[in-house]
Amino acid sequence: MKAKIVEGWPKGNKIRIILSKTNAAQVNSLRRTIIADVPKMAITKVRFEQGVTQDDNGQIIESINVLPDEVLAHRLAMIPVPTFLDDFKFPEEDPNNENLPEDQWGSPLSQIIYHLSIRGPEPDSDDLYKTVYAGDLNVLGETKLQIKEEHARIPLTILSSGQYLELYAYATLGRGRDHAKWCPAAAVTFQPRQKATLNKPKKANVLFNLNLTSKSGLAITSKLFTNKECTDVNSVLDIERALHQVGHGTGRDEAFDNAITMEDMDGEYIFSFESDGALSPEEVFNQACGELVSRFENITGEVDTALA
């Protein structure tokens, strides 16, 4: 299998990759590996501070908010936590946790701790409530582990006057097969790579005269074709979408008369997904390839042992 990032990608956390010299089974294995096996950090335990206290102005404030603790803990778990795989170990592989009961696990080698402490609006404020965001979490450690700016505005809950929220959240490495919070990517899909062939240039004007544009702003015209063929991945996908405007049920299909046809390119696929931001899309893909290689090496070793 060969892999090449499509020109112009990644775009933010989205990526589009050409996979060649492969088949659907191998590509699907890669898809499943990204979903289930590529590790990432996620908040897996939350300790809420409970109680009632009085501030310097004599106001009574209580640790309560509109959401049950379980719901808030779930929201915290789904926040993308910056992941540096070379810096951390799985809790069960952390030598500092050896011979300790699981409820006592936790060291800087396998755990990130976040602290959140925030109050609702002041009594004299015009605000009825204050929204608590993911960016209000403060990491107790290296600043590179702070929740990224792109995720800082994820809302968690709201607080009214007289309420406060204080908690400690603990993030560890895990895999998507154990819980969705450890899944590093979404919309992991693939499709056969195709080329578009311009069979009847004059009849193709039925499509071209609609003045359609691609997602990148290019006009859908004959200029996308070279020697009556278009193999550019982005352009082919744009043409494929545009063909819906002249397909069955549009009233234009007879006049168009299959002026442009799509053909699969043998052994090639377009693979795409969007990282949640905990890992870059390139790193997600590379980690998935590494996981697959490791898995097949282990299988080979087990077979060799069985047949020895």
C-alpha atoms as a PDB file:
ATOM      1  CA  MET A   1       0.000   0.000   0.000  1.00  0.00           C
ATOM      2  CA  LYS A   2       1.200   3.483  -0.884  1.00  0.00           C
ATOM      3  CA  ALA A   3      -0.185   6.694   0.596  1.00  0.00           C
ATOM      4  CA  LYS A   4      -0.046  10.267  -0.663  1.00  0.00           C
ATOM      5  CA  ILE A   5      -1.783  13.324   0.773  1.00  0.00           C
ATOM      6  CA  VAL A   6      -4.018  14.992  -1.807  1.00  0.00           C
ATOM      7  CA  GLU A   7      -2.759  18.395  -2.925  1.00  0.00           C
ATOM      8  CA  GLY A   8      -4.200  21.192  -0.796  1.00  0.00           C
ATOM      9  CA  TRP A   9      -4.798  18.970   2.235  1.00  0.00           C
ATOM     10  CA  PRO A  10      -4.915  18.779   5.206  1.00  0.00           C
ATOM     11  CA  LYS A  11      -7.347  21.612   5.757  1.00  0.00           C
ATOM     12  CA  GLY A  12      -7.431  22.295   9.469  1.00  0.00           C
ATOM     13  CA  ASN A  13      -8.098  18.914  11.065  1.00  0.00           C
ATOM     14  CA  LYS A  14      -9.496  17.384   7.850  1.00  0.00           C
ATOM     15  CA  ILE A  15      -7.359  15.290   5.544  1.00  0.00           C
ATOM     16  CA  ARG A  16      -7.759  13.518   2.198  1.00  0.00           C
ATOM     17  CA  ILE A  17      -5.293  10.775   1.198  1.00  0.00           C
ATOM     18  CA  ILE A  18      -4.778   8.700  -1.956  1.00  0.00           C
ATOM     19  CA  LEU A  19      -4.151   5.032  -1.164  1.00  0.00           C
ATOM     20  CA  SER A  20      -2.824   2.962  -4.058  1.00  0.00           C
ATOM     21  CA  LYS A  21      -1.677  -0.621  -4.712  1.00  0.00           C
ATOM     22  CA  THR A  22      -4.244  -1.868  -2.226  1.00  0.00           C
ATOM     23  CA  ASN A  23      -7.779  -3.232  -1.915  1.00  0.00           C
ATOM     24  CA  ALA A  24     -10.960  -2.432   0.007  1.00  0.00           C
ATOM     25  CA  ALA A  25     -10.199  -4.947   2.781  1.00  0.00           C
ATOM     26  CA  GLN A  26      -6.853  -3.337   3.588  1.00  0.00           C
ATOM     27  CA  VAL A  27      -8.270   0.179   3.465  1.00  0.00           C
ATOM     28  CA  ASN A  28     -11.136  -0.844   5.742  1.00  0.00           C
ATOM     29  CA  SER A  29      -8.624  -2.289   8.211  1.00  0.00           C
ATOM     30  CA  LEU A  30      -6.972   1.115   8.298  1.00  0.00           C
ATOM     31  CA  ARG A  31     -10.350   2.788   8.858  1.00  0.00           C
ATOM     32  CA  ARG A  32     -11.203   0.480  11.750  1.00  0.00           C
ATOM     33  CA  THR A  33      -7.746   0.940  13.279  1.00  0.00           C
ATOM     34  CA  ILE A  34      -8.168   4.725  13.369  1.00  0.00           C
ATOM     35  CA  ILE A  35     -11.558   4.386  15.044  1.00  0.00           C
ATOM     36  CA  ALA A  36     -10.662   1.686  17.551  1.00  0.00           C
ATOM     37  CA  ASP A  37      -6.916   1.419  18.112  1.00  0.00           C
ATOM     38  CA  VAL A  38      -5.090   4.745  17.735  1.00  0.00           C
ATOM     39  CA  PRO A  39      -4.600   5.984  21.328  1.00  0.00           C
ATOM     40  CA  LYS A  40      -5.248   9.488  22.626  1.00  0.00           C
ATOM     41  CA  MET A  41      -5.674  11.292  25.913  1.00  0.00           C
ATOM     42  CA  ALA A  42      -9.136  11.836  27.391  1.00  0.00           C
ATOM     43  CA  ILE A  43     -10.534  12.794  30.781  1.00  0.00           C
ATOM     44  CA  THR A  44     -11.564   9.560  32.448  1.00  0.00           C
ATOM     45  CA  LYS A  45     -12.093  10.590  36.090  1.00  0.00           C
ATOM     46  CA  VAL A  46     -13.498  13.737  37.716  1.00  0.00           C
ATOM     47  CA  ARG A  47     -13.442  14.746  41.381  1.00  0.00           C
ATOM     48  CA  PHE A  48     -16.039  17.374  42.265  1.00  0.00           C
ATOM     49  CA  GLU A  49     -15.452  19.567  45.313  1.00  0.00           C
ATOM     50  CA  GLN A  50     -18.661  19.771  47.350  1.00  0.00           C
ATOM     51  CA  GLY A  51     -19.836  22.184  50.001  1.00  0.00           C
ATOM     52  CA  VAL A  52     -21.129  25.619  50.938  1.00  0.00           C
ATOM     53  CA  THR A  53     -18.853  28.554  51.718  1.00  0.00           C
ATOM     54  CA  GLN A  54     -18.967  32.282  52.330  1.00  0.00           C
ATOM     55  CA  ASP A  55     -16.898  34.813  50.408  1.00  0.00           C
ATOM     56  CA  ASP A  56     -15.228  37.976  51.736  1.00  0.00           C
ATOM     57  CA  ASN A  57     -18.412  39.978  51.126  1.00  0.00           C
ATOM     58  CA  GLY A  58     -20.528  37.628  53.179  1.00  0.00           C
ATOM     59  CA  GLN A  59     -22.255  36.010  50.178  1.00  0.00           C
ATOM     60  CA  ILE A  60     -23.122  32.347  50.585  1.00  0.00           C
ATOM     61  CA  ILE A  61     -22.048  30.297  47.578  1.00  0.00           C
ATOM     62  CA  GLU A  62     -22.782  26.636  46.955  1.00  0.00           C
ATOM     63  CA  SER A  63     -21.064  24.086  44.718  1.00  0.00           C
ATOM     64  CA  ILE A  64     -23.961  23.339  42.432  1.00  0.00           C
ATOM     65  CA  ASN A  65     -24.851  23.831  38.768  1.00  0.00           C
ATOM     66  CA  VAL A  66     -27.729  23.010  36.433  1.00  0.00           C
ATOM     67  CA  LEU A  67     -26.309  19.654  35.328  1.00  0.00           C
ATOM     68  CA  PRO A  68     -25.936  16.385  37.263  1.00  0.00           C
ATOM     69  CA  ASP A  69     -22.311  15.504  37.958  1.00  0.00           C
ATOM     70  CA  GLU A  70     -22.537  12.485  35.644  1.00  0.00           C
ATOM     71  CA  VAL A  71     -23.586  14.625  32.662  1.00  0.00           C
ATOM     72  CA  LEU A  72     -20.876  17.180  33.314  1.00  0.00           C
ATOM     73  CA  ALA A  73     -18.288  14.396  33.645  1.00  0.00           C
ATOM     74  CA  HIS A  74     -19.388  13.040  30.260  1.00  0.00           C
ATOM     75  CA  ARG A  75     -18.995  16.473  28.660  1.00  0.00           C
ATOM     76  CA  LEU A  76     -15.522  16.771  30.142  1.00  0.00           C
ATOM     77  CA  ALA A  77     -14.620  13.340  28.781  1.00  0.00           C
ATOM     78  CA  MET A  78     -15.448  14.410  25.227  1.00  0.00           C
ATOM     79  CA  ILE A  79     -13.168  17.486  25.258  1.00  0.00           C
ATOM     80  CA  PRO A  80     -10.159  16.903  22.963  1.00  0.00           C
ATOM     81  CA  VAL A  81      -7.129  16.758  25.245  1.00  0.00           C
ATOM     82  CA  PRO A  82      -3.719  17.618  23.674  1.00  0.00           C
ATOM     83  CA  THR A  83      -1.966  14.305  23.159  1.00  0.00           C
ATOM     84  CA  PHE A  84       1.791  13.712  23.037  1.00  0.00           C
ATOM     85  CA  LEU A  85       2.169   9.971  22.664  1.00  0.00           C
ATOM     86  CA  ASP A  86       5.934   9.967  23.211  1.00  0.00           C
ATOM     87  CA  ASP A  87       5.547  11.630  26.611  1.00  0.00           C
ATOM     88  CA  PHE A  88       2.981   9.339  28.250  1.00  0.00           C
ATOM     89  CA  LYS A  89       2.310   5.673  28.945  1.00  0.00           C
ATOM     90  CA  PHE A  90      -0.915   3.757  29.384  1.00  0.00           C
ATOM     91  CA  PRO A  91      -1.802   3.576  33.110  1.00  0.00           C
ATOM     92  CA  GLU A  92      -1.332  -0.191  33.166  1.00  0.00           C
ATOM     93  CA  GLU A  93       2.167   0.214  31.646  1.00  0.00           C
ATOM     94  CA  ASP A  94       3.294   2.965  34.029  1.00  0.00           C
ATOM     95  CA  PRO A  95       6.003   1.505  36.326  1.00  0.00           C
ATOM     96  CA  ASN A  96       4.892   3.927  39.044  1.00  0.00           C
ATOM     97  CA  ASN A  97       1.536   2.103  39.175  1.00  0.00           C
ATOM     98  CA  GLU A  98       3.075  -1.318  39.593  1.00  0.00           C
ATOM     99  CA  ASN A  99       1.756  -3.270  42.605  1.00  0.00           C
ATOM    100  CA  LEU A 100      -0.774  -0.515  43.356  1.00  0.00           C
ATOM    101  CA  PRO A 101      -4.574  -1.004  43.297  1.00  0.00           C
ATOM    102  CA  GLU A 102      -6.170   0.629  40.246  1.00  0.00           C
ATOM    103  CA  ASP A 103      -7.925   3.301  42.320  1.00  0.00           C
ATOM    104  CA  GLN A 104      -4.481   4.557  43.413  1.00  0.00           C
ATOM    105  CA  TRP A 105      -2.977   4.788  39.934  1.00  0.00           C
ATOM    106  CA  GLY A 106      -1.787   8.186  38.809  1.00  0.00           C
ATOM    107  CA  SER A 107       1.609   9.669  38.072  1.00  0.00           C
ATOM    108  CA  PRO A 108       2.934  12.367  35.711  1.00  0.00           C
ATOM    109  CA  LEU A 109       4.062   9.555  33.405  1.00  0.00           C
ATOM    110  CA  SER A 110       0.516   8.387  32.674  1.00  0.00           C
ATOM    111  CA  GLN A 111      -1.857  11.135  33.807  1.00  0.00           C
ATOM    112  CA  ILE A 112      -2.682  14.797  33.173  1.00  0.00           C
ATOM    113  CA  ILE A 113      -4.551  16.748  35.856  1.00  0.00           C
ATOM    114  CA  TYR A 114      -6.793  19.728  35.120  1.00  0.00           C
ATOM    115  CA  HIS A 115      -8.287  22.050  37.717  1.00  0.00           C
ATOM    116  CA  LEU A 116     -11.387  24.173  37.298  1.00  0.00           C
ATOM    117  CA  SER A 117     -12.635  26.745  39.815  1.00  0.00           C
ATOM    118  CA  ILE A 118     -15.222  29.309  38.740  1.00  0.00           C
ATOM    119  CA  ARG A 119     -18.086  31.284  40.259  1.00  0.00           C
ATOM    120  CA  GLY A 120     -21.379  32.459  38.889  1.00  0.00           C
ATOM    121  CA  PRO A 121     -22.151  36.168  38.320  1.00  0.00           C
ATOM    122  CA  GLU A 122     -21.685  38.626  41.172  1.00  0.00           C
ATOM    123  CA  PRO A 123     -24.910  39.667  42.953  1.00  0.00           C
ATOM    124  CA  ASP A 124     -24.743  43.171  41.459  1.00  0.00           C
ATOM    125  CA  SER A 125     -24.101  41.876  37.918  1.00  0.00           C
ATOM    126  CA  ASP A 126     -26.661  42.285  35.134  1.00  0.00           C
ATOM    127  CA  ASP A 127     -25.844  38.785  33.919  1.00  0.00           C
ATOM    128  CA  LEU A 128     -28.303  36.083  34.874  1.00  0.00           C
ATOM    129  CA  TYR A 129     -25.737  33.322  34.484  1.00  0.00           C
ATOM    130  CA  LYS A 130     -22.157  32.595  33.503  1.00  0.00           C
ATOM    131  CA  THR A 131     -21.208  29.930  30.974  1.00  0.00           C
ATOM    132  CA  VAL A 132     -18.389  27.574  31.924  1.00  0.00           C
ATOM    133  CA  TYR A 133     -16.167  26.649  28.971  1.00  0.00           C
ATOM    134  CA  ALA A 134     -13.513  24.018  28.317  1.00  0.00           C
ATOM    135  CA  GLY A 135     -10.951  26.815  28.269  1.00  0.00           C
ATOM    136  CA  ASP A 136     -11.625  27.421  31.975  1.00  0.00           C
ATOM    137  CA  LEU A 137      -9.765  24.185  32.720  1.00  0.00           C
ATOM    138  CA  ASN A 138      -6.214  24.861  33.890  1.00  0.00           C
ATOM    139  CA  VAL A 139      -3.600  22.161  33.470  1.00  0.00           C
ATOM    140  CA  LEU A 140      -1.440  21.323  36.463  1.00  0.00           C
ATOM    141  CA  GLY A 141       1.692  20.768  34.443  1.00  0.00           C
ATOM    142  CA  GLU A 142       3.305  21.819  31.172  1.00  0.00           C
ATOM    143  CA  THR A 143       1.525  24.590  29.311  1.00  0.00           C
ATOM    144  CA  LYS A 144       1.565  22.570  26.070  1.00  0.00           C
ATOM    145  CA  LEU A 145      -1.062  20.356  27.713  1.00  0.00           C
ATOM    146  CA  GLN A 146      -3.501  23.254  28.145  1.00  0.00           C
ATOM    147  CA  ILE A 147      -6.786  22.818  26.239  1.00  0.00           C
ATOM    148  CA  LYS A 148      -6.221  24.212  22.739  1.00  0.00           C
ATOM    149  CA  GLU A 149      -7.634  27.573  21.742  1.00  0.00           C
ATOM    150  CA  GLU A 150      -9.778  25.970  19.033  1.00  0.00           C
ATOM    151  CA  HIS A 151     -11.569  23.956  21.731  1.00  0.00           C
ATOM    152  CA  ALA A 152     -11.639  26.612  24.450  1.00  0.00           C
ATOM    153  CA  ARG A 153     -15.214  27.714  23.669  1.00  0.00           C
ATOM    154  CA  ILE A 154     -16.789  24.286  24.104  1.00  0.00           C
ATOM    155  CA  PRO A 155     -19.564  24.970  26.653  1.00  0.00           C
ATOM    156  CA  LEU A 156     -19.766  22.723  29.708  1.00  0.00           C
ATOM    157  CA  THR A 157     -22.491  24.153  31.959  1.00  0.00           C
ATOM    158  CA  ILE A 158     -23.835  27.421  33.374  1.00  0.00           C
ATOM    159  CA  LEU A 159     -23.693  28.939  36.848  1.00  0.00           C
ATOM    160  CA  SER A 160     -26.144  31.348  38.461  1.00  0.00           C
ATOM    161  CA  SER A 161     -25.354  33.899  41.150  1.00  0.00           C
ATOM    162  CA  GLY A 162     -24.461  32.168  44.399  1.00  0.00           C
ATOM    163  CA  GLN A 163     -23.152  29.060  42.661  1.00  0.00           C
ATOM    164  CA  TYR A 164     -19.611  27.883  42.055  1.00  0.00           C
ATOM    165  CA  LEU A 165     -17.957  24.908  40.456  1.00  0.00           C
ATOM    166  CA  GLU A 166     -14.646  23.368  41.448  1.00  0.00           C
ATOM    167  CA  LEU A 167     -13.303  20.090  40.175  1.00  0.00           C
ATOM    168  CA  TYR A 168     -10.203  18.125  39.305  1.00  0.00           C
ATOM    169  CA  ALA A 169     -10.227  16.190  36.020  1.00  0.00           C
ATOM    170  CA  TYR A 170      -7.771  13.378  35.295  1.00  0.00           C
ATOM    171  CA  ALA A 171      -6.849  12.440  31.713  1.00  0.00           C
ATOM    172  CA  THR A 172      -5.199   9.187  30.667  1.00  0.00           C
ATOM    173  CA  LEU A 173      -4.370   7.345  27.460  1.00  0.00           C
ATOM    174  CA  GLY A 174      -6.930   4.961  26.023  1.00  0.00           C
ATOM    175  CA  ARG A 175      -8.308   3.481  22.814  1.00  0.00           C
ATOM    176  CA  GLY A 176     -11.580   4.054  21.004  1.00  0.00           C
ATOM    177  CA  ARG A 177     -12.537   0.380  21.274  1.00  0.00           C
ATOM    178  CA  ASP A 178     -12.963   0.919  25.028  1.00  0.00           C
ATOM    179  CA  HIS A 179     -14.867   4.241  24.881  1.00  0.00           C
ATOM    180  CA  ALA A 180     -15.746   6.859  22.268  1.00  0.00           C
ATOM    181  CA  LYS A 181     -13.915   9.536  24.288  1.00  0.00           C
ATOM    182  CA  TRP A 182     -10.636   7.919  23.184  1.00  0.00           C
ATOM    183  CA  CYS A 183     -11.521   7.915  19.475  1.00  0.00           C
ATOM    184  CA  PRO A 184      -9.167  10.413  17.754  1.00  0.00           C
ATOM    185  CA  ALA A 185     -11.144  11.011  14.554  1.00  0.00           C
ATOM    186  CA  ALA A 186     -14.628  11.188  13.065  1.00  0.00           C
ATOM    187  CA  ALA A 187     -16.163  10.627   9.624  1.00  0.00           C
ATOM    188  CA  VAL A 188     -13.491   8.080   8.712  1.00  0.00           C
ATOM    189  CA  THR A 189     -14.502   7.097   5.177  1.00  0.00           C
ATOM    190  CA  PHE A 190     -13.077   5.822   1.913  1.00  0.00           C
ATOM    191  CA  GLN A 191     -14.255   5.376  -1.663  1.00  0.00           C
ATOM    192  CA  PRO A 192     -12.737   4.095  -4.906  1.00  0.00           C
ATOM    193  CA  ARG A 193     -10.671   6.710  -6.679  1.00  0.00           C
ATOM    194  CA  GLN A 194     -12.275   7.638  -9.990  1.00  0.00           C
ATOM    195  CA  LYS A 195     -11.435   9.533 -13.140  1.00  0.00           C
ATOM    196  CA  ALA A 196     -13.913  11.569 -15.182  1.00  0.00           C
ATOM    197  CA  THR A 197     -14.057  11.154 -18.945  1.00  0.00           C
ATOM    198  CA  LEU A 198     -15.509  13.810 -21.250  1.00  0.00           C
ATOM    199  CA  ASN A 199     -17.207  11.689 -23.924  1.00  0.00           C
ATOM    200  CA  LYS A 200     -19.414  14.292 -25.635  1.00  0.00           C
ATOM    201  CA  PRO A 201     -18.122  17.865 -25.232  1.00  0.00           C
ATOM    202  CA  LYS A 202     -21.137  19.525 -26.850  1.00  0.00           C
ATOM    203  CA  LYS A 203     -23.712  17.676 -24.765  1.00  0.00           C
ATOM    204  CA  ALA A 204     -21.624  18.301 -21.661  1.00  0.00           C
ATOM    205  CA  ASN A 205     -22.597  21.959 -22.012  1.00  0.00           C
ATOM    206  CA  VAL A 206     -25.903  20.980 -20.418  1.00  0.00           C
ATOM    207  CA  LEU A 207     -23.871  20.722 -17.209  1.00  0.00           C
ATOM    208  CA  PHE A 208     -21.306  23.431 -17.879  1.00  0.00           C
ATOM    209  CA  ASN A 209     -23.983  26.034 -18.673  1.00  0.00           C
ATOM    210  CA  LEU A 210     -25.389  25.686 -15.145  1.00  0.00           C
ATOM    211  CA  ASN A 211     -22.413  27.791 -13.976  1.00  0.00           C
ATOM    212  CA  LEU A 212     -21.633  25.494 -11.065  1.00  0.00           C
ATOM    213  CA  THR A 213     -18.490  25.951  -8.992  1.00  0.00           C
ATOM    214  CA  SER A 214     -16.385  23.608  -6.939  1.00  0.00           C
ATOM    215  CA  LYS A 215     -15.884  23.910  -3.191  1.00  0.00           C
ATOM    216  CA  SER A 216     -12.637  25.705  -3.920  1.00  0.00           C
ATOM    217  CA  GLY A 217     -14.399  28.180  -6.207  1.00  0.00           C
ATOM    218  CA  LEU A 218     -13.319  26.735  -9.565  1.00  0.00           C
ATOM    219  CA  ALA A 219     -15.918  26.699 -12.340  1.00  0.00           C
ATOM    220  CA  ILE A 220     -17.185  23.285 -13.461  1.00  0.00           C
ATOM    221  CA  THR A 221     -16.198  23.562 -17.134  1.00  0.00           C
ATOM    222  CA  SER A 222     -14.266  21.677 -19.800  1.00  0.00           C
ATOM    223  CA  LYS A 223     -11.085  23.343 -18.491  1.00  0.00           C
ATOM    224  CA  LEU A 224     -10.984  20.709 -15.736  1.00  0.00           C
ATOM    225  CA  PHE A 225     -10.232  18.079 -18.396  1.00  0.00           C
ATOM    226  CA  THR A 226      -6.951  17.338 -20.157  1.00  0.00           C
ATOM    227  CA  ASN A 227      -7.206  15.194 -23.278  1.00  0.00           C
ATOM    228  CA  LYS A 228     -10.832  14.596 -22.293  1.00  0.00           C
ATOM    229  CA  GLU A 229      -9.827  13.121 -18.926  1.00  0.00           C
ATOM    230  CA  CYS A 230      -9.743  14.500 -15.380  1.00  0.00           C
ATOM    231  CA  THR A 231      -7.822  12.602 -12.708  1.00  0.00           C
ATOM    232  CA  ASP A 232      -7.239  15.379 -10.168  1.00  0.00           C
ATOM    233  CA  VAL A 233      -8.835  14.051  -6.974  1.00  0.00           C
ATOM    234  CA  ASN A 234     -10.453  17.287  -5.829  1.00  0.00           C
ATOM    235  CA  SER A 235     -11.797  18.107  -9.301  1.00  0.00           C
ATOM    236  CA  VAL A 236     -13.149  14.591  -9.854  1.00  0.00           C
ATOM    237  CA  LEU A 237     -15.064  14.714  -6.580  1.00  0.00           C
ATOM    238  CA  ASP A 238     -16.462  18.126  -7.557  1.00  0.00           C
ATOM    239  CA  ILE A 239     -17.523  16.780 -10.955  1.00  0.00           C
ATOM    240  CA  GLU A 240     -19.129  13.753  -9.307  1.00  0.00           C
ATOM    241  CA  ARG A 241     -21.251  16.026  -7.127  1.00  0.00           C
ATOM    242  CA  ALA A 242     -22.113  18.256 -10.097  1.00  0.00           C
ATOM    243  CA  LEU A 243     -23.407  15.273 -12.093  1.00  0.00           C
ATOM    244  CA  HIS A 244     -26.354  15.045  -9.708  1.00  0.00           C
ATOM    245  CA  GLN A 245     -27.664  18.161 -11.448  1.00  0.00           C
ATOM    246  CA  VAL A 246     -28.012  16.300 -14.758  1.00  0.00           C
ATOM    247  CA  GLY A 247     -28.906  12.854 -13.499  1.00  0.00           C
ATOM    248  CA  HIS A 248     -32.156  10.919 -13.471  1.00  0.00           C
ATOM    249  CA  GLY A 249     -35.121  12.964 -12.296  1.00  0.00           C
ATOM    250  CA  THR A 250     -33.605  16.349 -13.148  1.00  0.00           C
ATOM    251  CA  GLY A 251     -35.174  16.601 -16.608  1.00  0.00           C
ATOM    252  CA  ARG A 252     -31.712  17.129 -18.059  1.00  0.00           C
ATOM    253  CA  ASP A 253     -30.527  13.534 -18.277  1.00  0.00           C
ATOM    254  CA  GLU A 254     -31.667  12.890 -21.858  1.00  0.00           C
ATOM    255  CA  ALA A 255     -30.047  16.039 -23.210  1.00  0.00           C
ATOM    256  CA  PHE A 256     -26.871  15.328 -21.232  1.00  0.00           C
ATOM    257  CA  ASP A 257     -26.796  11.724 -22.489  1.00  0.00           C
ATOM    258  CA  ASN A 258     -23.886  10.578 -20.281  1.00  0.00           C
ATOM    259  CA  ALA A 259     -21.611  13.189 -21.792  1.00  0.00           C
ATOM    260  CA  ILE A 260     -19.310  12.722 -18.778  1.00  0.00           C
ATOM    261  CA  THR A 261     -18.782   9.306 -17.206  1.00  0.00           C
ATOM    262  CA  MET A 262     -16.965   8.196 -14.066  1.00  0.00           C
ATOM    263  CA  GLU A 263     -14.624   5.203 -13.970  1.00  0.00           C
ATOM    264  CA  ASP A 264     -12.935   3.515 -11.004  1.00  0.00           C
ATOM    265  CA  MET A 265      -9.122   3.477 -10.990  1.00  0.00           C
ATOM    266  CA  ASP A 266      -8.009  -0.043 -10.173  1.00  0.00           C
ATOM    267  CA  GLY A 267      -6.428  -0.508  -6.730  1.00  0.00           C
ATOM    268  CA  GLU A 268      -6.774   3.143  -5.691  1.00  0.00           C
ATOM    269  CA  TYR A 269      -8.960   4.708  -2.986  1.00  0.00           C
ATOM    270  CA  ILE A 270      -9.644   8.133  -1.530  1.00  0.00           C
ATOM    271  CA  PHE A 271      -9.376   7.988   2.261  1.00  0.00           C
ATOM    272  CA  SER A 272     -10.618  10.891   4.373  1.00  0.00           C
ATOM    273  CA  PHE A 273     -11.333  11.738   7.990  1.00  0.00           C
ATOM    274  CA  GLU A 274     -11.331  14.583  10.491  1.00  0.00           C
ATOM    275  CA  SER A 275      -9.201  14.549  13.618  1.00  0.00           C
ATOM    276  CA  ASP A 276     -10.824  15.895  16.787  1.00  0.00           C
ATOM    277  CA  GLY A 277      -7.698  18.017  17.309  1.00  0.00           C
ATOM    278  CA  ALA A 278      -6.068  15.985  20.069  1.00  0.00           C
ATOM    279  CA  LEU A 279      -3.683  14.663  17.412  1.00  0.00           C
ATOM    280  CA  SER A 280      -2.959  16.105  13.983  1.00  0.00           C
ATOM    281  CA  PRO A 281      -4.584  14.169  11.118  1.00  0.00           C
ATOM    282  CA  GLU A 282      -1.149  13.178   9.793  1.00  0.00           C
ATOM    283  CA  GLU A 283      -0.202  11.732  13.182  1.00  0.00           C
ATOM    284  CA  VAL A 284      -3.506   9.851  13.433  1.00  0.00           C
ATOM    285  CA  PHE A 285      -2.856   8.233  10.050  1.00  0.00           C
ATOM    286  CA  ASN A 286       0.771   7.377  10.838  1.00  0.00           C
ATOM    287  CA  GLN A 287      -0.189   5.909  14.208  1.00  0.00           C
ATOM    288  CA  ALA A 288      -2.842   3.754  12.521  1.00  0.00           C
ATOM    289  CA  CYS A 289      -0.262   2.435  10.047  1.00  0.00           C
ATOM    290  CA  GLY A 290       2.083   1.688  12.941  1.00  0.00           C
ATOM    291  CA  GLU A 291      -0.649  -0.131  14.854  1.00  0.00           C
ATOM    292  CA  LEU A 292      -1.412  -2.315  11.819  1.00  0.00           C
ATOM    293  CA  VAL A 293       2.235  -3.145  11.206  1.00  0.00           C
ATOM    294  CA  SER A 294       2.694  -4.088  14.857  1.00  0.00           C
ATOM    295  CA  ARG A 295      -0.448  -6.225  14.831  1.00  0.00           C
ATOM    296  CA  PHE A 296       0.618  -8.234  11.763  1.00  0.00           C
ATOM    297  CA  GLU A 297       4.121  -8.689  13.146  1.00  0.00           C
ATOM    298  CA  ASN A 298       2.597 -10.147  16.311  1.00  0.00           C
ATOM    299  CA  ILE A 299       0.355 -12.457  14.285  1.00  0.00           C
ATOM    300  CA  THR A 300       3.338 -13.657  12.244  1.00  0.00           C
ATOM    301  CA  GLY A 301       5.272 -14.356  15.422  1.00  0.00           C
ATOM    302  CA  GLU A 302       2.418 -16.331  16.940  1.00  0.00           C
ATOM    303  CA  VAL A 303       2.020 -18.399  13.766  1.00  0.00           C
ATOM    304  CA  ASP A 304       5.758 -19.120  13.681  1.00  0.00           C
ATOM    305  CA  THR A 305       5.615 -20.265  17.300  1.00  0.00           C
ATOM    306  CA  ALA A 306       2.569 -22.439  16.694  1.00  0.00           C
ATOM    307  CA  LEU A 307       4.218 -24.149  13.719  1.00  0.00           C
ATOM    308  CA  ALA A 308       7.635 -24.517  15.313  1.00  0.00           C
END
